[in-house]
Every structure is written in structure tokens, then in C-alpha cells.
């Protein structure tokens, strides 16, 4: 298995596990994980070892990602703009 296949498999496995336990679709969780890892590739190795722990400790969260997401009020949020508004650089 190539490194890329290993990473994708791990994302899918973690997303399915978290989705099952949370009642959320795995595809939503996979996008959430991918979004964060694309923006923060330094977390890929840790994700491969620790998996869901990065969700628990909020290393992987919507604000740290690269993909838009829907806020609880229905608004579409652009993470980069949100980070700029908070004075964070990424």
C-alpha cells in the first residue's frame, strides 16, 4: 500500500468509526479530517498513529481546515476568513 493509500484508508476508517458513534455521516467526518490535514500537513503523521485523538483534542476542527462548513445558524463559513478575523495566521 502506498503512503497516499494508507492516509486515505486511515481517514475513511476514522470517519466511519466516528460517524457510527456520533450518528453523523462518515463522509462529513472524512471531509472534516481532510480539510484540517490539508491545511496542517504536519499533523498527518500524528493522525496516522493517534487517529480519533486529534478530534478529541481539537487539533482537527472546522476552524483549522481549508474547506467551507455550515455553522449552526446555517451560514457558510470560510475557515481562512474566520482565522483572519481572530488574528490567526494560516
PDB file of N, CA and C in Angstrom:
ATOM      1  N   UNK A   1       0.841  -1.176   0.000  1.00  0.00           N
ATOM      2  CA  UNK A   1       0.000   0.000   0.000  1.00  0.00           C
ATOM      3  C   UNK A   1       0.893   1.248   0.000  1.00  0.00           C
ATOM      4  N   UNK A   2       0.592   2.211  -0.861  1.00  0.00           N
ATOM      5  CA  UNK A   2       1.377   3.450  -0.913  1.00  0.00           C
ATOM      6  C   UNK A   2       1.049   4.326   0.287  1.00  0.00           C
ATOM      7  N   UNK A   3       1.896   5.322   0.522  1.00  0.00           N
ATOM      8  CA  UNK A   3       1.637   6.270   1.615  1.00  0.00           C
ATOM      9  C   UNK A   3       0.297   6.966   1.419  1.00  0.00           C
ATOM     10  N   UNK A   4       0.008   7.360   0.188  1.00  0.00           N
ATOM     11  CA  UNK A   4      -1.255   8.044  -0.098  1.00  0.00           C
ATOM     12  C   UNK A   4      -2.442   7.139   0.209  1.00  0.00           C
ATOM     13  N   UNK A   5      -2.345   5.883  -0.191  1.00  0.00           N
ATOM     14  CA  UNK A   5      -3.429   4.935   0.089  1.00  0.00           C
ATOM     15  C   UNK A   5      -3.597   4.711   1.591  1.00  0.00           C
ATOM     16  N   UNK A   6      -2.488   4.657   2.307  1.00  0.00           N
ATOM     17  CA  UNK A   6      -2.532   4.481   3.749  1.00  0.00           C
ATOM     18  C   UNK A   6      -3.246   5.647   4.420  1.00  0.00           C
ATOM     19  N   UNK A   7      -2.907   6.859   4.008  1.00  0.00           N
ATOM     20  CA  UNK A   7      -3.541   8.054   4.570  1.00  0.00           C
ATOM     21  C   UNK A   7      -5.039   8.055   4.271  1.00  0.00           C
ATOM     22  N   UNK A   8      -5.399   7.790   3.029  1.00  0.00           N
ATOM     23  CA  UNK A   8      -6.819   7.783   2.655  1.00  0.00           C
ATOM     24  C   UNK A   8      -7.581   6.699   3.399  1.00  0.00           C
ATOM     25  N   UNK A   9      -6.993   5.529   3.545  1.00  0.00           N
ATOM     26  CA  UNK A   9      -7.632   4.434   4.279  1.00  0.00           C
ATOM     27  C   UNK A   9      -7.855   4.823   5.736  1.00  0.00           C
ATOM     28  N   UNK A  10      -6.850   5.468   6.345  1.00  0.00           N
ATOM     29  CA  UNK A  10      -6.968   5.886   7.744  1.00  0.00           C
ATOM     30  C   UNK A  10      -8.074   6.926   7.896  1.00  0.00           C
ATOM     31  N   UNK A  11      -8.145   7.880   6.975  1.00  0.00           N
ATOM     32  CA  UNK A  11      -9.216   8.879   7.025  1.00  0.00           C
ATOM     33  C   UNK A  11     -10.576   8.185   6.952  1.00  0.00           C
ATOM     34  N   UNK A  12     -10.732   7.266   6.019  1.00  0.00           N
ATOM     35  CA  UNK A  12     -12.002   6.559   5.860  1.00  0.00           C
ATOM     36  C   UNK A  12     -12.338   5.745   7.109  1.00  0.00           C
ATOM     37  N   UNK A  13     -11.375   5.043   7.663  1.00  0.00           N
ATOM     38  CA  UNK A  13     -11.623   4.219   8.847  1.00  0.00           C
ATOM     39  C   UNK A  13     -12.026   5.068  10.048  1.00  0.00           C
ATOM     40  N   UNK A  14     -11.290   6.140  10.281  1.00  0.00           N
ATOM     41  CA  UNK A  14     -11.612   7.019  11.407  1.00  0.00           C
ATOM     42  C   UNK A  14     -12.979   7.671  11.183  1.00  0.00           C
ATOM     43  N   UNK A  15     -13.237   8.129   9.967  1.00  0.00           N
ATOM     44  CA  UNK A  15     -14.514   8.783   9.662  1.00  0.00           C
ATOM     45  C   UNK A  15     -15.688   7.831   9.873  1.00  0.00           C
ATOM     46  N   UNK A  16     -15.548   6.588   9.446  1.00  0.00           N
ATOM     47  CA  UNK A  16     -16.621   5.614   9.655  1.00  0.00           C
ATOM     48  C   UNK A  16     -16.835   5.317  11.133  1.00  0.00           C
ATOM     49  N   UNK A  17     -15.768   5.193  11.880  1.00  0.00           N
ATOM     50  CA  UNK A  17     -15.878   4.922  13.318  1.00  0.00           C
ATOM     51  C   UNK A  17     -16.537   6.093  14.042  1.00  0.00           C
ATOM     52  N   UNK A  18     -16.043   7.299  13.800  1.00  0.00           N
ATOM     53  CA  UNK A  18     -16.607   8.479  14.459  1.00  0.00           C
ATOM     54  C   UNK A  18     -18.055   8.676  14.022  1.00  0.00           C
ATOM     55  N   UNK A  19     -18.322   8.512  12.740  1.00  0.00           N
ATOM     56  CA  UNK A  19     -19.680   8.653  12.237  1.00  0.00           C
ATOM     57  C   UNK A  19     -20.636   7.671  12.877  1.00  0.00           C
ATOM     58  N   UNK A  20     -20.223   6.431  13.017  1.00  0.00           N
ATOM     59  CA  UNK A  20     -21.059   5.408  13.644  1.00  0.00           C
ATOM     60  C   UNK A  20     -21.418   5.792  15.076  1.00  0.00           C
ATOM     61  N   UNK A  21     -20.422   6.237  15.831  1.00  0.00           N
ATOM     62  CA  UNK A  21     -20.641   6.550  17.244  1.00  0.00           C
ATOM     63  C   UNK A  21     -21.350   7.884  17.464  1.00  0.00           C
ATOM     64  N   UNK A  22     -21.249   8.791  16.499  1.00  0.00           N
ATOM     65  CA  UNK A  22     -21.856  10.110  16.672  1.00  0.00           C
ATOM     66  C   UNK A  22     -23.195  10.262  15.955  1.00  0.00           C
ATOM     67  N   UNK A  23     -23.524   9.308  15.100  1.00  0.00           N
ATOM     68  CA  UNK A  23     -24.760   9.424  14.341  1.00  0.00           C
ATOM     69  C   UNK A  23     -24.665  10.406  13.188  1.00  0.00           C
ATOM     70  N   UNK A  24     -23.453  10.725  12.794  1.00  0.00           N
ATOM     71  CA  UNK A  24     -23.214  11.631  11.668  1.00  0.00           C
ATOM     72  C   UNK A  24     -22.695  10.822  10.487  1.00  0.00           C
ATOM     73  N   UNK A  25     -22.936  11.304   9.257  1.00  0.00           N
ATOM     74  CA  UNK A  25     -22.432  10.578   8.086  1.00  0.00           C
ATOM     75  C   UNK A  25     -20.901  10.568   8.051  1.00  0.00           C
ATOM     76  N   UNK A  26     -20.330   9.414   7.766  1.00  0.00           N
ATOM     77  CA  UNK A  26     -18.880   9.286   7.673  1.00  0.00           C
ATOM     78  C   UNK A  26     -18.269  10.210   6.641  1.00  0.00           C
ATOM     79  N   UNK A  27     -19.008  10.479   5.558  1.00  0.00           N
ATOM     80  CA  UNK A  27     -18.473  11.352   4.512  1.00  0.00           C
ATOM     81  C   UNK A  27     -18.279  12.779   5.036  1.00  0.00           C
ATOM     82  N   UNK A  28     -19.141  13.208   5.947  1.00  0.00           N
ATOM     83  CA  UNK A  28     -18.989  14.536   6.562  1.00  0.00           C
ATOM     84  C   UNK A  28     -17.731  14.572   7.427  1.00  0.00           C
ATOM     85  N   UNK A  29     -17.527  13.515   8.186  1.00  0.00           N
ATOM     86  CA  UNK A  29     -16.367  13.439   9.069  1.00  0.00           C
ATOM     87  C   UNK A  29     -15.086  13.361   8.238  1.00  0.00           C
ATOM     88  N   UNK A  30     -15.105  12.583   7.139  1.00  0.00           N
ATOM     89  CA  UNK A  30     -13.924  12.458   6.273  1.00  0.00           C
ATOM     90  C   UNK A  30     -13.536  13.815   5.699  1.00  0.00           C
ATOM     91  N   UNK A  31     -14.513  14.574   5.258  1.00  0.00           N
ATOM     92  CA  UNK A  31     -14.228  15.918   4.735  1.00  0.00           C
ATOM     93  C   UNK A  31     -13.636  16.819   5.796  1.00  0.00           C
ATOM     94  N   UNK A  32     -14.150  16.702   6.994  1.00  0.00           N
ATOM     95  CA  UNK A  32     -13.657  17.473   8.138  1.00  0.00           C
ATOM     96  C   UNK A  32     -12.188  17.149   8.409  1.00  0.00           C
ATOM     97  N   UNK A  33     -11.861  15.862   8.426  1.00  0.00           N
ATOM     98  CA  UNK A  33     -10.476  15.422   8.662  1.00  0.00           C
ATOM     99  C   UNK A  33      -9.571  15.887   7.521  1.00  0.00           C
ATOM    100  N   UNK A  34      -9.989  15.644   6.291  1.00  0.00           N
ATOM    101  CA  UNK A  34      -9.200  16.030   5.122  1.00  0.00           C
ATOM    102  C   UNK A  34      -8.936  17.531   5.108  1.00  0.00           C
ATOM    103  N   UNK A  35      -9.964  18.318   5.369  1.00  0.00           N
ATOM    104  CA  UNK A  35      -9.842  19.773   5.387  1.00  0.00           C
ATOM    105  C   UNK A  35      -8.753  20.229   6.347  1.00  0.00           C
ATOM    106  N   UNK A  36      -8.738  19.648   7.524  1.00  0.00           N
ATOM    107  CA  UNK A  36      -7.754  20.029   8.529  1.00  0.00           C
ATOM    108  C   UNK A  36      -6.347  19.549   8.174  1.00  0.00           C
ATOM    109  N   UNK A  37      -6.237  18.333   7.642  1.00  0.00           N
ATOM    110  CA  UNK A  37      -4.906  17.810   7.303  1.00  0.00           C
ATOM    111  C   UNK A  37      -4.294  18.524   6.100  1.00  0.00           C
ATOM    112  N   UNK A  38      -5.114  18.970   5.167  1.00  0.00           N
ATOM    113  CA  UNK A  38      -4.595  19.728   4.018  1.00  0.00           C
ATOM    114  C   UNK A  38      -3.981  21.042   4.491  1.00  0.00           C
ATOM    115  N   UNK A  39      -4.641  21.688   5.433  1.00  0.00           N
ATOM    116  CA  UNK A  39      -4.147  22.962   5.947  1.00  0.00           C
ATOM    117  C   UNK A  39      -2.978  22.783   6.904  1.00  0.00           C
ATOM    118  N   UNK A  40      -2.944  21.649   7.582  1.00  0.00           N
ATOM    119  CA  UNK A  40      -1.919  21.400   8.596  1.00  0.00           C
ATOM    120  C   UNK A  40      -1.245  20.050   8.347  1.00  0.00           C
ATOM    121  N   UNK A  41      -0.498  19.914   7.249  1.00  0.00           N
ATOM    122  CA  UNK A  41       0.094  18.612   6.908  1.00  0.00           C
ATOM    123  C   UNK A  41       1.068  18.083   7.961  1.00  0.00           C
ATOM    124  N   UNK A  42       1.553  18.945   8.820  1.00  0.00           N
ATOM    125  CA  UNK A  42       2.442  18.486   9.892  1.00  0.00           C
ATOM    126  C   UNK A  42       1.726  17.535  10.858  1.00  0.00           C
ATOM    127  N   UNK A  43       0.386  17.495  10.793  1.00  0.00           N
ATOM    128  CA  UNK A  43      -0.391  16.608  11.665  1.00  0.00           C
ATOM    129  C   UNK A  43      -0.677  15.237  11.047  1.00  0.00           C
ATOM    130  N   UNK A  44      -0.253  15.018   9.802  1.00  0.00           N
ATOM    131  CA  UNK A  44      -0.567  13.756   9.127  1.00  0.00           C
ATOM    132  C   UNK A  44       0.047  12.561   9.858  1.00  0.00           C
ATOM    133  N   UNK A  45       1.317  12.629  10.180  1.00  0.00           N
ATOM    134  CA  UNK A  45       1.973  11.504  10.857  1.00  0.00           C
ATOM    135  C   UNK A  45       1.297  11.204  12.187  1.00  0.00           C
ATOM    136  N   UNK A  46       0.997  12.247  12.930  1.00  0.00           N
ATOM    137  CA  UNK A  46       0.327  12.059  14.224  1.00  0.00           C
ATOM    138  C   UNK A  46      -1.060  11.439  14.018  1.00  0.00           C
ATOM    139  N   UNK A  47      -1.781  11.883  12.988  1.00  0.00           N
ATOM    140  CA  UNK A  47      -3.096  11.327  12.694  1.00  0.00           C
ATOM    141  C   UNK A  47      -2.999   9.834  12.383  1.00  0.00           C
ATOM    142  N   UNK A  48      -1.983   9.441  11.633  1.00  0.00           N
ATOM    143  CA  UNK A  48      -1.822   8.033  11.284  1.00  0.00           C
ATOM    144  C   UNK A  48      -1.605   7.163  12.521  1.00  0.00           C
ATOM    145  N   UNK A  49      -0.988   7.735  13.542  1.00  0.00           N
ATOM    146  CA  UNK A  49      -0.732   6.989  14.772  1.00  0.00           C
ATOM    147  C   UNK A  49      -1.904   7.094  15.751  1.00  0.00           C
ATOM    148  N   UNK A  50      -2.422   8.313  15.939  1.00  0.00           N
ATOM    149  CA  UNK A  50      -3.393   8.561  17.002  1.00  0.00           C
ATOM    150  C   UNK A  50      -4.851   8.575  16.542  1.00  0.00           C
ATOM    151  N   UNK A  51      -5.085   8.772  15.262  1.00  0.00           N
ATOM    152  CA  UNK A  51      -6.447   8.742  14.726  1.00  0.00           C
ATOM    153  C   UNK A  51      -7.404   9.696  15.400  1.00  0.00           C
ATOM    154  N   UNK A  52      -8.437   9.154  16.049  1.00  0.00           N
ATOM    155  CA  UNK A  52      -9.511   9.976  16.618  1.00  0.00           C
ATOM    156  C   UNK A  52      -9.042  10.945  17.693  1.00  0.00           C
ATOM    157  N   UNK A  53      -7.901  10.689  18.288  1.00  0.00           N
ATOM    158  CA  UNK A  53      -7.413  11.572  19.352  1.00  0.00           C
ATOM    159  C   UNK A  53      -7.298  13.020  18.869  1.00  0.00           C
ATOM    160  N   UNK A  54      -6.961  13.219  17.593  1.00  0.00           N
ATOM    161  CA  UNK A  54      -6.830  14.571  17.069  1.00  0.00           C
ATOM    162  C   UNK A  54      -8.172  15.291  16.979  1.00  0.00           C
ATOM    163  N   UNK A  55      -9.255  14.541  16.928  1.00  0.00           N
ATOM    164  CA  UNK A  55     -10.588  15.141  17.010  1.00  0.00           C
ATOM    165  C   UNK A  55     -10.917  15.473  18.465  1.00  0.00           C
ATOM    166  N   UNK A  56     -10.552  14.583  19.366  1.00  0.00           N
ATOM    167  CA  UNK A  56     -10.833  14.801  20.787  1.00  0.00           C
ATOM    168  C   UNK A  56     -10.100  16.016  21.341  1.00  0.00           C
ATOM    169  N   UNK A  57      -8.833  16.186  20.953  1.00  0.00           N
ATOM    170  CA  UNK A  57      -8.068  17.315  21.497  1.00  0.00           C
ATOM    171  C   UNK A  57      -8.192  18.580  20.642  1.00  0.00           C
ATOM    172  N   UNK A  58      -9.063  18.514  19.629  1.00  0.00           N
ATOM    173  CA  UNK A  58      -9.399  19.644  18.753  1.00  0.00           C
ATOM    174  C   UNK A  58      -8.229  20.105  17.875  1.00  0.00           C
ATOM    175  N   UNK A  59      -7.223  19.242  17.685  1.00  0.00           N
ATOM    176  CA  UNK A  59      -6.205  19.529  16.682  1.00  0.00           C
ATOM    177  C   UNK A  59      -6.895  19.604  15.323  1.00  0.00           C
ATOM    178  N   UNK A  60      -7.812  18.669  15.093  1.00  0.00           N
ATOM    179  CA  UNK A  60      -8.646  18.695  13.886  1.00  0.00           C
ATOM    180  C   UNK A  60      -9.975  19.327  14.275  1.00  0.00           C
ATOM    181  N   UNK A  61     -10.232  20.504  13.735  1.00  0.00           N
ATOM    182  CA  UNK A  61     -11.521  21.164  13.946  1.00  0.00           C
ATOM    183  C   UNK A  61     -11.844  22.019  12.728  1.00  0.00           C
ATOM    184  N   UNK A  62     -13.074  22.449  12.634  1.00  0.00           N
ATOM    185  CA  UNK A  62     -13.514  23.189  11.452  1.00  0.00           C
ATOM    186  C   UNK A  62     -12.677  24.440  11.204  1.00  0.00           C
ATOM    187  N   UNK A  63     -12.357  25.159  12.251  1.00  0.00           N
ATOM    188  CA  UNK A  63     -11.632  26.423  12.100  1.00  0.00           C
ATOM    189  C   UNK A  63     -10.212  26.230  11.579  1.00  0.00           C
ATOM    190  N   UNK A  64      -9.641  25.051  11.789  1.00  0.00           N
ATOM    191  CA  UNK A  64      -8.272  24.776  11.333  1.00  0.00           C
ATOM    192  C   UNK A  64      -8.218  24.214   9.925  1.00  0.00           C
ATOM    193  N   UNK A  65      -9.351  24.118   9.261  1.00  0.00           N
ATOM    194  CA  UNK A  65      -9.399  23.466   7.964  1.00  0.00           C
ATOM    195  C   UNK A  65      -9.274  24.391   6.779  1.00  0.00           C
ATOM    196  N   UNK A  66      -9.499  23.802   5.600  1.00  0.00           N
ATOM    197  CA  UNK A  66      -9.410  24.541   4.340  1.00  0.00           C
ATOM    198  C   UNK A  66     -10.741  24.577   3.593  1.00  0.00           C
ATOM    199  N   UNK A  67     -11.685  23.721   3.985  1.00  0.00           N
ATOM    200  CA  UNK A  67     -12.968  23.644   3.291  1.00  0.00           C
ATOM    201  C   UNK A  67     -14.036  24.435   4.037  1.00  0.00           C
ATOM    202  N   UNK A  68     -14.992  24.982   3.279  1.00  0.00           N
ATOM    203  CA  UNK A  68     -16.095  25.682   3.912  1.00  0.00           C
ATOM    204  C   UNK A  68     -16.934  24.701   4.720  1.00  0.00           C
ATOM    205  N   UNK A  69     -17.637  25.241   5.700  1.00  0.00           N
ATOM    206  CA  UNK A  69     -18.532  24.419   6.513  1.00  0.00           C
ATOM    207  C   UNK A  69     -19.763  25.249   6.897  1.00  0.00           C
ATOM    208  N   UNK A  70     -20.825  24.549   7.303  1.00  0.00           N
ATOM    209  CA  UNK A  70     -22.064  25.220   7.675  1.00  0.00           C
ATOM    210  C   UNK A  70     -22.103  25.408   9.191  1.00  0.00           C
ATOM    211  N   UNK A  71     -22.271  26.665   9.596  1.00  0.00           N
ATOM    212  CA  UNK A  71     -22.391  26.977  11.020  1.00  0.00           C
ATOM    213  C   UNK A  71     -23.779  26.574  11.514  1.00  0.00           C
ATOM    214  N   UNK A  72     -23.962  26.567  12.802  1.00  0.00           N
ATOM    215  CA  UNK A  72     -25.244  26.170  13.378  1.00  0.00           C
ATOM    216  C   UNK A  72     -26.386  27.091  12.934  1.00  0.00           C
ATOM    217  N   UNK A  73     -26.061  28.343  12.579  1.00  0.00           N
ATOM    218  CA  UNK A  73     -27.095  29.270  12.123  1.00  0.00           C
ATOM    219  C   UNK A  73     -27.376  29.140  10.626  1.00  0.00           C
ATOM    220  N   UNK A  74     -26.719  28.180   9.962  1.00  0.00           N
ATOM    221  CA  UNK A  74     -26.929  27.936   8.546  1.00  0.00           C
ATOM    222  C   UNK A  74     -25.964  28.680   7.631  1.00  0.00           C
ATOM    223  N   UNK A  75     -25.186  29.581   8.185  1.00  0.00           N
ATOM    224  CA  UNK A  75     -24.223  30.362   7.399  1.00  0.00           C
ATOM    225  C   UNK A  75     -23.075  29.473   6.918  1.00  0.00           C
ATOM    226  N   UNK A  76     -22.616  29.716   5.686  1.00  0.00           N
ATOM    227  CA  UNK A  76     -21.446  29.013   5.161  1.00  0.00           C
ATOM    228  C   UNK A  76     -20.211  29.797   5.604  1.00  0.00           C
ATOM    229  N   UNK A  77     -19.315  29.116   6.266  1.00  0.00           N
ATOM    230  CA  UNK A  77     -18.121  29.737   6.847  1.00  0.00           C
ATOM    231  C   UNK A  77     -16.890  29.354   6.026  1.00  0.00           C
ATOM    232  N   UNK A  78     -16.059  30.335   5.755  1.00  0.00           N
ATOM    233  CA  UNK A  78     -14.770  30.126   5.109  1.00  0.00           C
ATOM    234  C   UNK A  78     -13.709  30.159   6.217  1.00  0.00           C
ATOM    235  N   UNK A  79     -13.102  29.020   6.523  1.00  0.00           N
ATOM    236  CA  UNK A  79     -12.186  28.948   7.663  1.00  0.00           C
ATOM    237  C   UNK A  79     -11.060  29.979   7.636  1.00  0.00           C
ATOM    238  N   UNK A  80     -10.489  30.227   6.455  1.00  0.00           N
ATOM    239  CA  UNK A  80      -9.400  31.206   6.363  1.00  0.00           C
ATOM    240  C   UNK A  80      -9.851  32.596   6.779  1.00  0.00           C
ATOM    241  N   UNK A  81     -11.052  32.980   6.377  1.00  0.00           N
ATOM    242  CA  UNK A  81     -11.589  34.286   6.777  1.00  0.00           C
ATOM    243  C   UNK A  81     -11.860  34.324   8.274  1.00  0.00           C
ATOM    244  N   UNK A  82     -12.343  33.228   8.811  1.00  0.00           N
ATOM    245  CA  UNK A  82     -12.603  33.145  10.255  1.00  0.00           C
ATOM    246  C   UNK A  82     -11.301  33.294  11.030  1.00  0.00           C
ATOM    247  N   UNK A  83     -10.230  32.621  10.549  1.00  0.00           N
ATOM    248  CA  UNK A  83      -8.934  32.726  11.233  1.00  0.00           C
ATOM    249  C   UNK A  83      -8.402  34.152  11.173  1.00  0.00           C
ATOM    250  N   UNK A  84      -8.533  34.799   9.993  1.00  0.00           N
ATOM    251  CA  UNK A  84      -8.069  36.185   9.871  1.00  0.00           C
ATOM    252  C   UNK A  84      -8.812  37.087  10.855  1.00  0.00           C
ATOM    253  N   UNK A  85     -10.117  36.866  10.983  1.00  0.00           N
ATOM    254  CA  UNK A  85     -10.931  37.653  11.901  1.00  0.00           C
ATOM    255  C   UNK A  85     -10.513  37.492  13.348  1.00  0.00           C
ATOM    256  N   UNK A  86      -9.961  36.344  13.668  1.00  0.00           N
ATOM    257  CA  UNK A  86      -9.477  36.068  15.021  1.00  0.00           C
ATOM    258  C   UNK A  86      -8.010  36.424  15.183  1.00  0.00           C
ATOM    259  N   UNK A  87      -7.383  36.944  14.118  1.00  0.00           N
ATOM    260  CA  UNK A  87      -5.974  37.305  14.170  1.00  0.00           C
ATOM    261  C   UNK A  87      -5.047  36.136  14.069  1.00  0.00           C
ATOM    262  N   UNK A  88      -5.544  34.984  13.601  1.00  0.00           N
ATOM    263  CA  UNK A  88      -4.712  33.802  13.443  1.00  0.00           C
ATOM    264  C   UNK A  88      -4.159  33.773  12.027  1.00  0.00           C
ATOM    265  N   UNK A  89      -2.955  33.259  11.888  1.00  0.00           N
ATOM    266  CA  UNK A  89      -2.330  33.157  10.578  1.00  0.00           C
ATOM    267  C   UNK A  89      -2.323  31.700  10.147  1.00  0.00           C
ATOM    268  N   UNK A  90      -2.744  31.457   8.885  1.00  0.00           N
ATOM    269  CA  UNK A  90      -2.671  30.121   8.281  1.00  0.00           C
ATOM    270  C   UNK A  90      -3.088  30.222   6.852  1.00  0.00           C
TER     271      UNK A  90
END
